Amino acid sequence: MHIADMAVSVFVVVIIAVSLLSNVGVLICFLYNQEIRKQVPGLFILNLTICNLLLTVSNMPLTLVGLINKGNTGGSGFCQTVGFLDTFLTTNSMLSMGALSIDRWVAVVFPLSYHSRIRHRDAVIGLGYTWMHSLSFSTVATCSSWVGYHHLYASCTLCNARASGSRTQFIIYTVVLHSLTFLLTLIVLCVTYLKVLKVARFHCKRIDVITMQTLLLLVDIHPSVRQRCLDEQRQRRQRATKKIITFIGTFVVCFAPYVITRIFELFTLGQINPHWGVLSKCLAYSKAACDPFVYSLLRNQYRKTCSDLTNKILKRSSFNSSARMVENGRANDTNNIKPTH
């Protein structure tokens, strides 16, 4: 095996491990915390988590096996099923990210009317659209026999070689697919999160004015306290920017190389480096490992739930060990009692 293939294989193993653990953690938090289940964004996060888990257990291991064996590991029907899931799950997860950004935009820009604008019924309608959108594109590709093992990406996915008899239709399909999934979601992310950033900066300026006025009035304040207030003021301005960069940046870094390679593959006459093709596919897989941290586990509510679960498990284990020690102590005391004759 080439050293580049070995490195990519290790990368895939790491992605699978992190994705499984983090997405299962999000699922456990969702099932354990009733408040998270009541929230509207929880439906989109649940949908995104399930898509990531299915992608992790179905497509990623087969890509790893394809890298090791240098070829398709299953029959044509099995590969078409996996390719169907690849298109469906990737499209569904992208649209779920767009839905989460719209929800965040409404919550920040219209905080007083958020609960009347975004309800569970609206979330269910949004999820229904994401499923219909994803099913439509994945069904068309499967019924047209455009899905198969692609050596460039070492995975069962859309394959140019299987569309040799209908190349024009395949080009139109691929361009429309990525335009209505990747490009549409990217535009939604940029528009909504930039508006959120604008509102956050406006509120930061208001807080900064109040903070400076307070510091001017408090003449006898200690210099260390004043410096701490100024540091918090600077961190508050940077916090919103970092979050927006994380939301949009991870989406672009993970999906853009794969989508650009897909489009470039349609119109180029030369051969694309297979190591780059597999790497771009692995970057797209890595989004499944990033999503739990970007959208869930780093939020205070999920962190608190994880902490509560950990404490509950530790307390239960410590209680069981203490009870076991007491029982052993009683047994020893009983054995040490000598019978009197």
C-alpha atoms as a PDB file:
ATOM      1  CA  MET A   1       0.000   0.000   0.000  1.00  0.00           C
ATOM      2  CA  HIS A   2       1.208   3.491  -0.906  1.00  0.00           C
ATOM      3  CA  ILE A   3       2.160   5.699   2.034  1.00  0.00           C
ATOM      4  CA  ALA A   4      -0.464   8.251   0.981  1.00  0.00           C
ATOM      5  CA  ASP A   5      -3.144   5.539   1.049  1.00  0.00           C
ATOM      6  CA  MET A   6      -1.974   4.494   4.502  1.00  0.00           C
ATOM      7  CA  ALA A   7      -2.212   8.076   5.754  1.00  0.00           C
ATOM      8  CA  VAL A   8      -5.700   8.496   4.300  1.00  0.00           C
ATOM      9  CA  SER A   9      -6.777   5.146   5.786  1.00  0.00           C
ATOM     10  CA  VAL A  10      -5.654   6.264   9.240  1.00  0.00           C
ATOM     11  CA  PHE A  11      -7.503   9.546   8.657  1.00  0.00           C
ATOM     12  CA  VAL A  12     -10.699   7.624   7.832  1.00  0.00           C
ATOM     13  CA  VAL A  13     -10.345   5.468  10.957  1.00  0.00           C
ATOM     14  CA  VAL A  14      -9.973   8.591  13.109  1.00  0.00           C
ATOM     15  CA  ILE A  15     -13.020  10.187  11.452  1.00  0.00           C
ATOM     16  CA  ILE A  16     -15.109   7.044  12.054  1.00  0.00           C
ATOM     17  CA  ALA A  17     -14.101   6.863  15.730  1.00  0.00           C
ATOM     18  CA  VAL A  18     -14.672  10.565  16.459  1.00  0.00           C
ATOM     19  CA  SER A  19     -17.908  10.671  14.478  1.00  0.00           C
ATOM     20  CA  LEU A  20     -19.353   7.618  16.228  1.00  0.00           C
ATOM     21  CA  LEU A  21     -18.489   8.786  19.741  1.00  0.00           C
ATOM     22  CA  SER A  22     -19.540  12.412  19.271  1.00  0.00           C
ATOM     23  CA  ASN A  23     -22.801  11.733  17.426  1.00  0.00           C
ATOM     24  CA  VAL A  24     -23.803   9.006  19.895  1.00  0.00           C
ATOM     25  CA  GLY A  25     -23.061  11.525  22.654  1.00  0.00           C
ATOM     26  CA  VAL A  26     -25.392  14.072  21.051  1.00  0.00           C
ATOM     27  CA  LEU A  27     -28.085  11.405  20.671  1.00  0.00           C
ATOM     28  CA  ILE A  28     -27.781  10.428  24.340  1.00  0.00           C
ATOM     29  CA  CYS A  29     -28.036  14.074  25.419  1.00  0.00           C
ATOM     30  CA  PHE A  30     -31.115  14.508  23.254  1.00  0.00           C
ATOM     31  CA  LEU A  31     -32.824  11.464  24.763  1.00  0.00           C
ATOM     32  CA  TYR A  32     -31.817  12.324  28.333  1.00  0.00           C
ATOM     33  CA  ASN A  33     -32.615  16.055  28.442  1.00  0.00           C
ATOM     34  CA  GLN A  34     -36.297  16.903  28.071  1.00  0.00           C
ATOM     35  CA  GLU A  35     -35.566  20.604  27.543  1.00  0.00           C
ATOM     36  CA  ILE A  36     -33.452  19.851  24.471  1.00  0.00           C
ATOM     37  CA  ARG A  37     -36.255  17.708  23.026  1.00  0.00           C
ATOM     38  CA  LYS A  38     -38.748  20.554  23.495  1.00  0.00           C
ATOM     39  CA  GLN A  39     -36.675  23.045  21.503  1.00  0.00           C
ATOM     40  CA  VAL A  40     -37.365  23.474  17.793  1.00  0.00           C
ATOM     41  CA  PRO A  41     -33.667  23.314  16.735  1.00  0.00           C
ATOM     42  CA  GLY A  42     -33.506  19.937  18.473  1.00  0.00           C
ATOM     43  CA  LEU A  43     -35.416  18.371  15.576  1.00  0.00           C
ATOM     44  CA  PHE A  44     -32.868  19.613  13.031  1.00  0.00           C
ATOM     45  CA  ILE A  45     -29.973  18.545  15.254  1.00  0.00           C
ATOM     46  CA  LEU A  46     -31.546  15.097  15.687  1.00  0.00           C
ATOM     47  CA  ASN A  47     -31.964  14.751  11.923  1.00  0.00           C
ATOM     48  CA  LEU A  48     -28.377  15.884  11.324  1.00  0.00           C
ATOM     49  CA  THR A  49     -27.066  13.484  13.989  1.00  0.00           C
ATOM     50  CA  ILE A  50     -28.926  10.485  12.533  1.00  0.00           C
ATOM     51  CA  CYS A  51     -27.660  11.293   9.027  1.00  0.00           C
ATOM     52  CA  ASN A  52     -24.094  11.543  10.334  1.00  0.00           C
ATOM     53  CA  LEU A  53     -24.391   8.238  12.191  1.00  0.00           C
ATOM     54  CA  LEU A  54     -25.800   6.406   9.164  1.00  0.00           C
ATOM     55  CA  LEU A  55     -23.048   7.862   6.970  1.00  0.00           C
ATOM     56  CA  THR A  56     -20.461   6.766   9.522  1.00  0.00           C
ATOM     57  CA  VAL A  57     -21.619   3.150   9.740  1.00  0.00           C
ATOM     58  CA  SER A  58     -22.537   2.622   6.064  1.00  0.00           C
ATOM     59  CA  ASN A  59     -20.280   4.640   3.744  1.00  0.00           C
ATOM     60  CA  MET A  60     -17.084   5.362   5.666  1.00  0.00           C
ATOM     61  CA  PRO A  61     -16.159   1.714   6.425  1.00  0.00           C
ATOM     62  CA  LEU A  62     -16.649   0.765   2.772  1.00  0.00           C
ATOM     63  CA  THR A  63     -14.373   3.615   1.693  1.00  0.00           C
ATOM     64  CA  LEU A  64     -11.770   2.299   4.125  1.00  0.00           C
ATOM     65  CA  VAL A  65     -12.120  -1.219   2.695  1.00  0.00           C
ATOM     66  CA  GLY A  66     -11.935   0.213  -0.837  1.00  0.00           C
ATOM     67  CA  LEU A  67      -8.674   1.958   0.029  1.00  0.00           C
ATOM     68  CA  ILE A  68      -7.189  -1.241   1.421  1.00  0.00           C
ATOM     69  CA  ASN A  69      -8.437  -3.627  -1.301  1.00  0.00           C
ATOM     70  CA  LYS A  70      -8.099  -1.147  -4.187  1.00  0.00           C
ATOM     71  CA  GLY A  71     -11.564  -1.868  -5.526  1.00  0.00           C
ATOM     72  CA  ASN A  72     -15.263  -2.495  -4.947  1.00  0.00           C
ATOM     73  CA  THR A  73     -15.947  -4.809  -2.032  1.00  0.00           C
ATOM     74  CA  GLY A  74     -19.574  -5.693  -2.756  1.00  0.00           C
ATOM     75  CA  GLY A  75     -21.962  -6.533  -5.547  1.00  0.00           C
ATOM     76  CA  SER A  76     -23.604  -4.063  -7.884  1.00  0.00           C
ATOM     77  CA  GLY A  77     -26.889  -3.971  -5.958  1.00  0.00           C
ATOM     78  CA  PHE A  78     -25.137  -3.467  -2.631  1.00  0.00           C
ATOM     79  CA  CYS A  79     -22.961  -0.696  -4.069  1.00  0.00           C
ATOM     80  CA  GLN A  80     -26.011   1.065  -5.530  1.00  0.00           C
ATOM     81  CA  THR A  81     -27.713   0.983  -2.120  1.00  0.00           C
ATOM     82  CA  VAL A  82     -24.649   2.495  -0.468  1.00  0.00           C
ATOM     83  CA  GLY A  83     -24.379   5.099  -3.249  1.00  0.00           C
ATOM     84  CA  PHE A  84     -28.044   5.983  -2.759  1.00  0.00           C
ATOM     85  CA  LEU A  85     -27.360   6.530   0.946  1.00  0.00           C
ATOM     86  CA  ASP A  86     -24.283   8.619   0.141  1.00  0.00           C
ATOM     87  CA  THR A  87     -26.258  11.110  -1.974  1.00  0.00           C
ATOM     88  CA  PHE A  88     -29.279  11.094   0.324  1.00  0.00           C
ATOM     89  CA  LEU A  89     -27.433  11.513   3.634  1.00  0.00           C
ATOM     90  CA  THR A  90     -24.983  14.143   2.380  1.00  0.00           C
ATOM     91  CA  THR A  91     -27.758  16.236   0.819  1.00  0.00           C
ATOM     92  CA  ASN A  92     -29.956  15.856   3.893  1.00  0.00           C
ATOM     93  CA  SER A  93     -27.182  16.927   6.271  1.00  0.00           C
ATOM     94  CA  MET A  94     -26.365  20.018   4.183  1.00  0.00           C
ATOM     95  CA  LEU A  95     -29.989  21.152   4.137  1.00  0.00           C
ATOM     96  CA  SER A  96     -30.266  20.529   7.894  1.00  0.00           C
ATOM     97  CA  MET A  97     -27.354  22.924   8.436  1.00  0.00           C
ATOM     98  CA  GLY A  98     -29.164  25.535   6.360  1.00  0.00           C
ATOM     99  CA  ALA A  99     -32.334  25.024   8.422  1.00  0.00           C
ATOM    100  CA  LEU A 100     -30.352  25.475  11.659  1.00  0.00           C
ATOM    101  CA  SER A 101     -28.899  28.748  10.377  1.00  0.00           C
ATOM    102  CA  ILE A 102     -32.379  30.060   9.514  1.00  0.00           C
ATOM    103  CA  ASP A 103     -33.597  29.111  12.988  1.00  0.00           C
ATOM    104  CA  ARG A 104     -30.660  30.942  14.596  1.00  0.00           C
ATOM    105  CA  TRP A 105     -31.284  34.015  12.425  1.00  0.00           C
ATOM    106  CA  VAL A 106     -34.941  34.220  13.461  1.00  0.00           C
ATOM    107  CA  ALA A 107     -34.008  33.702  17.142  1.00  0.00           C
ATOM    108  CA  VAL A 108     -31.459  36.540  17.112  1.00  0.00           C
ATOM    109  CA  VAL A 109     -33.118  39.053  14.786  1.00  0.00           C
ATOM    110  CA  PHE A 110     -36.687  38.489  16.059  1.00  0.00           C
ATOM    111  CA  PRO A 111     -36.225  37.363  19.680  1.00  0.00           C
ATOM    112  CA  LEU A 112     -39.629  38.537  20.938  1.00  0.00           C
ATOM    113  CA  SER A 113     -41.621  36.824  18.190  1.00  0.00           C
ATOM    114  CA  TYR A 114     -39.370  33.763  17.744  1.00  0.00           C
ATOM    115  CA  HIS A 115     -41.789  31.268  19.320  1.00  0.00           C
ATOM    116  CA  SER A 116     -44.656  32.486  17.160  1.00  0.00           C
ATOM    117  CA  ARG A 117     -42.559  32.459  13.972  1.00  0.00           C
ATOM    118  CA  ILE A 118     -40.782  29.119  14.439  1.00  0.00           C
ATOM    119  CA  ARG A 119     -42.895  26.304  15.872  1.00  0.00           C
ATOM    120  CA  HIS A 120     -42.574  22.532  15.869  1.00  0.00           C
ATOM    121  CA  ARG A 121     -45.011  22.368  12.973  1.00  0.00           C
ATOM    122  CA  ASP A 122     -42.737  24.639  10.924  1.00  0.00           C
ATOM    123  CA  ALA A 123     -39.735  22.495  11.838  1.00  0.00           C
ATOM    124  CA  VAL A 124     -41.561  19.337  10.711  1.00  0.00           C
ATOM    125  CA  ILE A 125     -42.420  21.037   7.393  1.00  0.00           C
ATOM    126  CA  GLY A 126     -38.762  22.007   6.970  1.00  0.00           C
ATOM    127  CA  LEU A 127     -37.637  18.460   7.693  1.00  0.00           C
ATOM    128  CA  GLY A 128     -40.212  17.159   5.232  1.00  0.00           C
ATOM    129  CA  TYR A 129     -38.711  19.373   2.526  1.00  0.00           C
ATOM    130  CA  THR A 130     -35.152  18.218   3.274  1.00  0.00           C
ATOM    131  CA  TRP A 131     -36.234  14.575   3.008  1.00  0.00           C
ATOM    132  CA  MET A 132     -38.178  15.121  -0.224  1.00  0.00           C
ATOM    133  CA  HIS A 133     -35.284  17.089  -1.723  1.00  0.00           C
ATOM    134  CA  SER A 134     -32.742  14.415  -0.761  1.00  0.00           C
ATOM    135  CA  LEU A 135     -34.928  11.490  -1.822  1.00  0.00           C
ATOM    136  CA  SER A 136     -35.640  13.071  -5.208  1.00  0.00           C
ATOM    137  CA  PHE A 137     -32.002  13.491  -6.213  1.00  0.00           C
ATOM    138  CA  SER A 138     -30.825  10.166  -4.807  1.00  0.00           C
ATOM    139  CA  THR A 139     -33.728   8.281  -6.435  1.00  0.00           C
ATOM    140  CA  VAL A 140     -33.106   9.853  -9.843  1.00  0.00           C
ATOM    141  CA  ALA A 141     -29.433   8.877  -9.720  1.00  0.00           C
ATOM    142  CA  THR A 142     -30.181   5.306  -8.634  1.00  0.00           C
ATOM    143  CA  CYS A 143     -32.973   4.747 -11.167  1.00  0.00           C
ATOM    144  CA  SER A 144     -30.747   6.138 -13.940  1.00  0.00           C
ATOM    145  CA  SER A 145     -27.976   3.671 -12.941  1.00  0.00           C
ATOM    146  CA  TRP A 146     -25.526   6.526 -12.346  1.00  0.00           C
ATOM    147  CA  VAL A 147     -24.439   5.096  -8.999  1.00  0.00           C
ATOM    148  CA  GLY A 148     -21.512   2.700  -8.712  1.00  0.00           C
ATOM    149  CA  TYR A 149     -18.014   2.254  -7.382  1.00  0.00           C
ATOM    150  CA  HIS A 150     -15.855   5.266  -8.228  1.00  0.00           C
ATOM    151  CA  HIS A 151     -12.110   4.520  -8.054  1.00  0.00           C
ATOM    152  CA  LEU A 152     -11.238   8.218  -7.773  1.00  0.00           C
ATOM    153  CA  TYR A 153     -13.070   8.472  -4.438  1.00  0.00           C
ATOM    154  CA  ALA A 154     -12.717   4.792  -3.402  1.00  0.00           C
ATOM    155  CA  SER A 155     -16.419   4.723  -2.587  1.00  0.00           C
ATOM    156  CA  CYS A 156     -19.831   3.852  -3.967  1.00  0.00           C
ATOM    157  CA  THR A 157     -21.223   7.145  -5.207  1.00  0.00           C
ATOM    158  CA  LEU A 158     -22.161   8.984  -8.413  1.00  0.00           C
ATOM    159  CA  CYS A 159     -19.951   7.568 -11.156  1.00  0.00           C
ATOM    160  CA  ASN A 160     -19.167   9.256 -14.470  1.00  0.00           C
ATOM    161  CA  ALA A 161     -18.280   5.960 -16.133  1.00  0.00           C
ATOM    162  CA  ARG A 162     -21.814   4.630 -15.622  1.00  0.00           C
ATOM    163  CA  ALA A 163     -23.289   7.683 -17.372  1.00  0.00           C
ATOM    164  CA  SER A 164     -21.351   7.342 -20.627  1.00  0.00           C
ATOM    165  CA  GLY A 165     -24.549   6.860 -22.626  1.00  0.00           C
ATOM    166  CA  SER A 166     -26.278   9.913 -21.140  1.00  0.00           C
ATOM    167  CA  ARG A 167     -23.409  12.257 -20.394  1.00  0.00           C
ATOM    168  CA  THR A 168     -25.342  15.482 -21.000  1.00  0.00           C
ATOM    169  CA  GLN A 169     -28.131  14.485 -18.625  1.00  0.00           C
ATOM    170  CA  PHE A 170     -25.559  13.442 -16.010  1.00  0.00           C
ATOM    171  CA  ILE A 171     -23.751  16.798 -16.261  1.00  0.00           C
ATOM    172  CA  ILE A 172     -27.028  18.689 -15.870  1.00  0.00           C
ATOM    173  CA  TYR A 173     -28.022  16.488 -12.932  1.00  0.00           C
ATOM    174  CA  THR A 174     -24.684  16.923 -11.134  1.00  0.00           C
ATOM    175  CA  VAL A 175     -24.612  20.710 -11.604  1.00  0.00           C
ATOM    176  CA  VAL A 176     -28.233  21.077 -10.424  1.00  0.00           C
ATOM    177  CA  LEU A 177     -27.598  18.740  -7.459  1.00  0.00           C
ATOM    178  CA  HIS A 178     -24.634  20.712  -6.138  1.00  0.00           C
ATOM    179  CA  SER A 179     -26.261  24.054  -6.939  1.00  0.00           C
ATOM    180  CA  LEU A 180     -29.403  23.227  -4.956  1.00  0.00           C
ATOM    181  CA  THR A 181     -27.538  21.602  -2.068  1.00  0.00           C
ATOM    182  CA  PHE A 182     -24.021  22.919  -1.506  1.00  0.00           C
ATOM    183  CA  LEU A 183     -24.366  26.329  -3.163  1.00  0.00           C
ATOM    184  CA  LEU A 184     -27.872  26.990  -1.836  1.00  0.00           C
ATOM    185  CA  THR A 185     -26.875  25.999   1.708  1.00  0.00           C
ATOM    186  CA  LEU A 186     -23.707  28.107   1.513  1.00  0.00           C
ATOM    187  CA  ILE A 187     -25.716  31.175   0.445  1.00  0.00           C
ATOM    188  CA  VAL A 188     -28.219  30.597   3.263  1.00  0.00           C
ATOM    189  CA  LEU A 189     -25.402  30.186   5.791  1.00  0.00           C
ATOM    190  CA  CYS A 190     -23.644  33.366   4.665  1.00  0.00           C
ATOM    191  CA  VAL A 191     -26.787  35.510   4.565  1.00  0.00           C
ATOM    192  CA  THR A 192     -28.264  34.349   7.872  1.00  0.00           C
ATOM    193  CA  TYR A 193     -25.071  34.211   9.935  1.00  0.00           C
ATOM    194  CA  LEU A 194     -23.812  37.564   8.636  1.00  0.00           C
ATOM    195  CA  LYS A 195     -27.112  39.110   9.732  1.00  0.00           C
ATOM    196  CA  VAL A 196     -26.703  37.393  13.100  1.00  0.00           C
ATOM    197  CA  LEU A 197     -23.171  38.816  13.332  1.00  0.00           C
ATOM    198  CA  LYS A 198     -24.458  42.298  12.517  1.00  0.00           C
ATOM    199  CA  VAL A 199     -27.029  42.124  15.321  1.00  0.00           C
ATOM    200  CA  ALA A 200     -24.454  40.692  17.748  1.00  0.00           C
ATOM    201  CA  ARG A 201     -22.017  43.514  17.010  1.00  0.00           C
ATOM    202  CA  PHE A 202     -24.774  46.073  17.514  1.00  0.00           C
ATOM    203  CA  HIS A 203     -25.553  44.637  20.950  1.00  0.00           C
ATOM    204  CA  CYS A 204     -21.847  44.508  21.784  1.00  0.00           C
ATOM    205  CA  LYS A 205     -21.512  48.207  20.985  1.00  0.00           C
ATOM    206  CA  ARG A 206     -24.406  49.018  23.291  1.00  0.00           C
ATOM    207  CA  ILE A 207     -22.871  46.954  26.076  1.00  0.00           C
ATOM    208  CA  ASP A 208     -19.476  48.577  25.442  1.00  0.00           C
ATOM    209  CA  VAL A 209     -20.963  52.075  25.795  1.00  0.00           C
ATOM    210  CA  ILE A 210     -22.590  51.138  29.101  1.00  0.00           C
ATOM    211  CA  THR A 211     -19.358  49.513  30.294  1.00  0.00           C
ATOM    212  CA  MET A 212     -17.233  52.573  29.462  1.00  0.00           C
ATOM    213  CA  GLN A 213     -19.703  54.925  31.109  1.00  0.00           C
ATOM    214  CA  THR A 214     -19.661  52.761  34.235  1.00  0.00           C
ATOM    215  CA  LEU A 215     -15.855  52.696  34.294  1.00  0.00           C
ATOM    216  CA  LEU A 216     -15.724  56.488  33.974  1.00  0.00           C
ATOM    217  CA  LEU A 217     -18.143  56.920  36.873  1.00  0.00           C
ATOM    218  CA  LEU A 218     -16.265  54.501  39.098  1.00  0.00           C
ATOM    219  CA  VAL A 219     -13.188  56.629  39.682  1.00  0.00           C
ATOM    220  CA  ASP A 220     -11.827  54.585  42.596  1.00  0.00           C
ATOM    221  CA  ILE A 221     -12.041  51.257  40.794  1.00  0.00           C
ATOM    222  CA  HIS A 222      -8.938  49.104  41.017  1.00  0.00           C
ATOM    223  CA  PRO A 223      -6.813  49.014  37.796  1.00  0.00           C
ATOM    224  CA  SER A 224      -6.976  45.196  37.684  1.00  0.00           C
ATOM    225  CA  VAL A 225     -10.799  45.277  37.741  1.00  0.00           C
ATOM    226  CA  ARG A 226     -10.813  47.916  35.008  1.00  0.00           C
ATOM    227  CA  GLN A 227      -8.461  45.821  32.881  1.00  0.00           C
ATOM    228  CA  ARG A 228     -10.605  42.727  33.423  1.00  0.00           C
ATOM    229  CA  CYS A 229     -13.683  44.616  32.202  1.00  0.00           C
ATOM    230  CA  LEU A 230     -11.816  45.773  29.101  1.00  0.00           C
ATOM    231  CA  ASP A 231     -10.601  42.215  28.406  1.00  0.00           C
ATOM    232  CA  GLU A 232     -14.151  40.860  28.698  1.00  0.00           C
ATOM    233  CA  GLN A 233     -15.303  43.618  26.373  1.00  0.00           C
ATOM    234  CA  ARG A 234     -12.744  42.573  23.751  1.00  0.00           C
ATOM    235  CA  GLN A 235     -13.582  38.874  24.140  1.00  0.00           C
ATOM    236  CA  ARG A 236     -17.282  39.622  23.768  1.00  0.00           C
ATOM    237  CA  ARG A 237     -16.634  41.306  20.419  1.00  0.00           C
ATOM    238  CA  GLN A 238     -14.540  38.377  19.189  1.00  0.00           C
ATOM    239  CA  ARG A 239     -16.835  35.587  20.419  1.00  0.00           C
ATOM    240  CA  ALA A 240     -19.606  36.128  17.871  1.00  0.00           C
ATOM    241  CA  THR A 241     -17.108  36.454  15.002  1.00  0.00           C
ATOM    242  CA  LYS A 242     -15.385  33.196  15.965  1.00  0.00           C
ATOM    243  CA  LYS A 243     -18.695  31.331  16.072  1.00  0.00           C
ATOM    244  CA  ILE A 244     -19.751  32.589  12.628  1.00  0.00           C
ATOM    245  CA  ILE A 245     -16.347  31.706  11.169  1.00  0.00           C
ATOM    246  CA  THR A 246     -16.674  28.217  12.678  1.00  0.00           C
ATOM    247  CA  PHE A 247     -20.153  27.626  11.234  1.00  0.00           C
ATOM    248  CA  ILE A 248     -19.321  28.804   7.710  1.00  0.00           C
ATOM    249  CA  GLY A 249     -15.642  27.795   7.721  1.00  0.00           C
ATOM    250  CA  THR A 250     -16.178  24.136   8.591  1.00  0.00           C
ATOM    251  CA  PHE A 251     -18.864  23.853   5.921  1.00  0.00           C
ATOM    252  CA  VAL A 252     -16.613  25.336   3.218  1.00  0.00           C
ATOM    253  CA  VAL A 253     -13.423  23.497   4.237  1.00  0.00           C
ATOM    254  CA  CYS A 254     -15.142  20.099   4.428  1.00  0.00           C
ATOM    255  CA  PHE A 255     -17.479  20.211   1.428  1.00  0.00           C
ATOM    256  CA  ALA A 256     -15.963  22.685  -1.056  1.00  0.00           C
ATOM    257  CA  PRO A 257     -12.973  20.514  -2.154  1.00  0.00           C
ATOM    258  CA  TYR A 258     -15.252  17.539  -2.884  1.00  0.00           C
ATOM    259  CA  VAL A 259     -17.875  19.595  -4.752  1.00  0.00           C
ATOM    260  CA  ILE A 260     -15.250  21.476  -6.788  1.00  0.00           C
ATOM    261  CA  THR A 261     -13.560  18.192  -7.683  1.00  0.00           C
ATOM    262  CA  ARG A 262     -16.921  16.779  -8.764  1.00  0.00           C
ATOM    263  CA  ILE A 263     -17.627  19.753 -11.045  1.00  0.00           C
ATOM    264  CA  PHE A 264     -14.065  19.828 -12.371  1.00  0.00           C
ATOM    265  CA  GLU A 265     -14.306  16.107 -13.139  1.00  0.00           C
ATOM    266  CA  LEU A 266     -17.265  16.735 -15.459  1.00  0.00           C
ATOM    267  CA  PHE A 267     -15.460  19.132 -17.770  1.00  0.00           C
ATOM    268  CA  THR A 268     -11.782  18.174 -17.589  1.00  0.00           C
ATOM    269  CA  LEU A 269     -10.101  15.937 -20.130  1.00  0.00           C
ATOM    270  CA  GLY A 270      -7.126  15.131 -17.915  1.00  0.00           C
ATOM    271  CA  GLN A 271      -6.998  12.654 -15.077  1.00  0.00           C
ATOM    272  CA  ILE A 272      -7.416  13.859 -11.507  1.00  0.00           C
ATOM    273  CA  ASN A 273      -4.915  12.649  -8.946  1.00  0.00           C
ATOM    274  CA  PRO A 274      -6.603   9.720  -7.134  1.00  0.00           C
ATOM    275  CA  HIS A 275      -5.012  10.699  -3.813  1.00  0.00           C
ATOM    276  CA  TRP A 276      -6.661  14.107  -4.076  1.00  0.00           C
ATOM    277  CA  GLY A 277     -10.012  12.514  -4.944  1.00  0.00           C
ATOM    278  CA  VAL A 278      -9.932  10.271  -1.862  1.00  0.00           C
ATOM    279  CA  LEU A 279      -8.749  13.151   0.327  1.00  0.00           C
ATOM    280  CA  SER A 280     -11.605  15.382  -0.838  1.00  0.00           C
ATOM    281  CA  LYS A 281     -14.071  12.583  -0.064  1.00  0.00           C
ATOM    282  CA  CYS A 282     -12.554  12.135   3.409  1.00  0.00           C
ATOM    283  CA  LEU A 283     -12.841  15.884   4.039  1.00  0.00           C
ATOM    284  CA  ALA A 284     -16.542  15.613   3.237  1.00  0.00           C
ATOM    285  CA  TYR A 285     -16.769  12.710   5.691  1.00  0.00           C
ATOM    286  CA  SER A 286     -15.000  14.766   8.356  1.00  0.00           C
ATOM    287  CA  LYS A 287     -17.985  17.123   8.530  1.00  0.00           C
ATOM    288  CA  ALA A 288     -19.886  14.317  10.256  1.00  0.00           C
ATOM    289  CA  ALA A 289     -17.234  14.358  12.992  1.00  0.00           C
ATOM    290  CA  CYS A 290     -17.233  18.176  13.263  1.00  0.00           C
ATOM    291  CA  ASP A 291     -21.008  18.739  13.405  1.00  0.00           C
ATOM    292  CA  PRO A 292     -21.577  17.425  16.957  1.00  0.00           C
ATOM    293  CA  PHE A 293     -19.040  19.910  18.326  1.00  0.00           C
ATOM    294  CA  VAL A 294     -20.066  22.828  16.090  1.00  0.00           C
ATOM    295  CA  TYR A 295     -23.821  22.567  16.719  1.00  0.00           C
ATOM    296  CA  SER A 296     -24.219  20.694  20.005  1.00  0.00           C
ATOM    297  CA  LEU A 297     -21.538  19.488  22.381  1.00  0.00           C
ATOM    298  CA  LEU A 298     -19.813  22.862  22.870  1.00  0.00           C
ATOM    299  CA  ARG A 299     -23.081  24.556  23.848  1.00  0.00           C
ATOM    300  CA  ASN A 300     -23.682  25.063  27.566  1.00  0.00           C
ATOM    301  CA  GLN A 301     -26.906  23.040  27.581  1.00  0.00           C
ATOM    302  CA  TYR A 302     -25.263  19.952  26.088  1.00  0.00           C
ATOM    303  CA  ARG A 303     -22.150  20.354  28.219  1.00  0.00           C
ATOM    304  CA  LYS A 304     -24.285  20.519  31.344  1.00  0.00           C
ATOM    305  CA  THR A 305     -26.215  17.427  30.254  1.00  0.00           C
ATOM    306  CA  CYS A 306     -22.973  15.517  29.638  1.00  0.00           C
ATOM    307  CA  SER A 307     -21.715  16.625  33.044  1.00  0.00           C
ATOM    308  CA  ASP A 308     -24.940  15.507  34.739  1.00  0.00           C
ATOM    309  CA  LEU A 309     -24.788  12.118  33.019  1.00  0.00           C
ATOM    310  CA  THR A 310     -21.140  11.650  33.970  1.00  0.00           C
ATOM    311  CA  ASN A 311     -21.798  12.569  37.602  1.00  0.00           C
ATOM    312  CA  LYS A 312     -24.801  10.266  37.699  1.00  0.00           C
ATOM    313  CA  ILE A 313     -22.782   7.338  36.364  1.00  0.00           C
ATOM    314  CA  LEU A 314     -19.858   8.024  38.702  1.00  0.00           C
ATOM    315  CA  LYS A 315     -22.115   8.368  41.731  1.00  0.00           C
ATOM    316  CA  ARG A 316     -23.875   5.127  40.878  1.00  0.00           C
ATOM    317  CA  SER A 317     -20.576   3.286  40.434  1.00  0.00           C
ATOM    318  CA  SER A 318     -19.174   4.751  43.665  1.00  0.00           C
ATOM    319  CA  PHE A 319     -22.394   3.790  45.495  1.00  0.00           C
ATOM    320  CA  ASN A 320     -22.171   0.236  44.161  1.00  0.00           C
ATOM    321  CA  SER A 321     -18.530  -0.055  45.196  1.00  0.00           C
ATOM    322  CA  SER A 322     -19.328   1.319  48.676  1.00  0.00           C
ATOM    323  CA  ALA A 323     -22.211  -1.130  49.076  1.00  0.00           C
ATOM    324  CA  ARG A 324     -19.947  -3.947  47.970  1.00  0.00           C
ATOM    325  CA  MET A 325     -17.304  -2.927  50.514  1.00  0.00           C
ATOM    326  CA  VAL A 326     -19.906  -2.847  53.292  1.00  0.00           C
ATOM    327  CA  GLU A 327     -21.150  -6.314  52.328  1.00  0.00           C
ATOM    328  CA  ASN A 328     -17.595  -7.657  52.273  1.00  0.00           C
ATOM    329  CA  GLY A 329     -16.951  -6.087  55.659  1.00  0.00           C
ATOM    330  CA  ARG A 330     -20.021  -7.706  57.127  1.00  0.00           C
ATOM    331  CA  ALA A 331     -19.042 -11.052  55.672  1.00  0.00           C
ATOM    332  CA  ASN A 332     -15.568 -10.767  57.188  1.00  0.00           C
ATOM    333  CA  ASP A 333     -17.039  -9.844  60.574  1.00  0.00           C
ATOM    334  CA  THR A 334     -19.303 -12.882  60.427  1.00  0.00           C
ATOM    335  CA  ASN A 335     -16.409 -15.180  59.557  1.00  0.00           C
ATOM    336  CA  ASN A 336     -14.284 -13.741  62.379  1.00  0.00           C
ATOM    337  CA  ILE A 337     -16.908 -14.569  65.046  1.00  0.00           C
ATOM    338  CA  LYS A 338     -15.763 -17.758  66.752  1.00  0.00           C
ATOM    339  CA  PRO A 339     -18.485 -20.181  67.827  1.00  0.00           C
ATOM    340  CA  THR A 340     -18.680 -20.761  71.605  1.00  0.00           C
ATOM    341  CA  HIS A 341     -18.944 -24.312  72.947  1.00  0.00           C
END
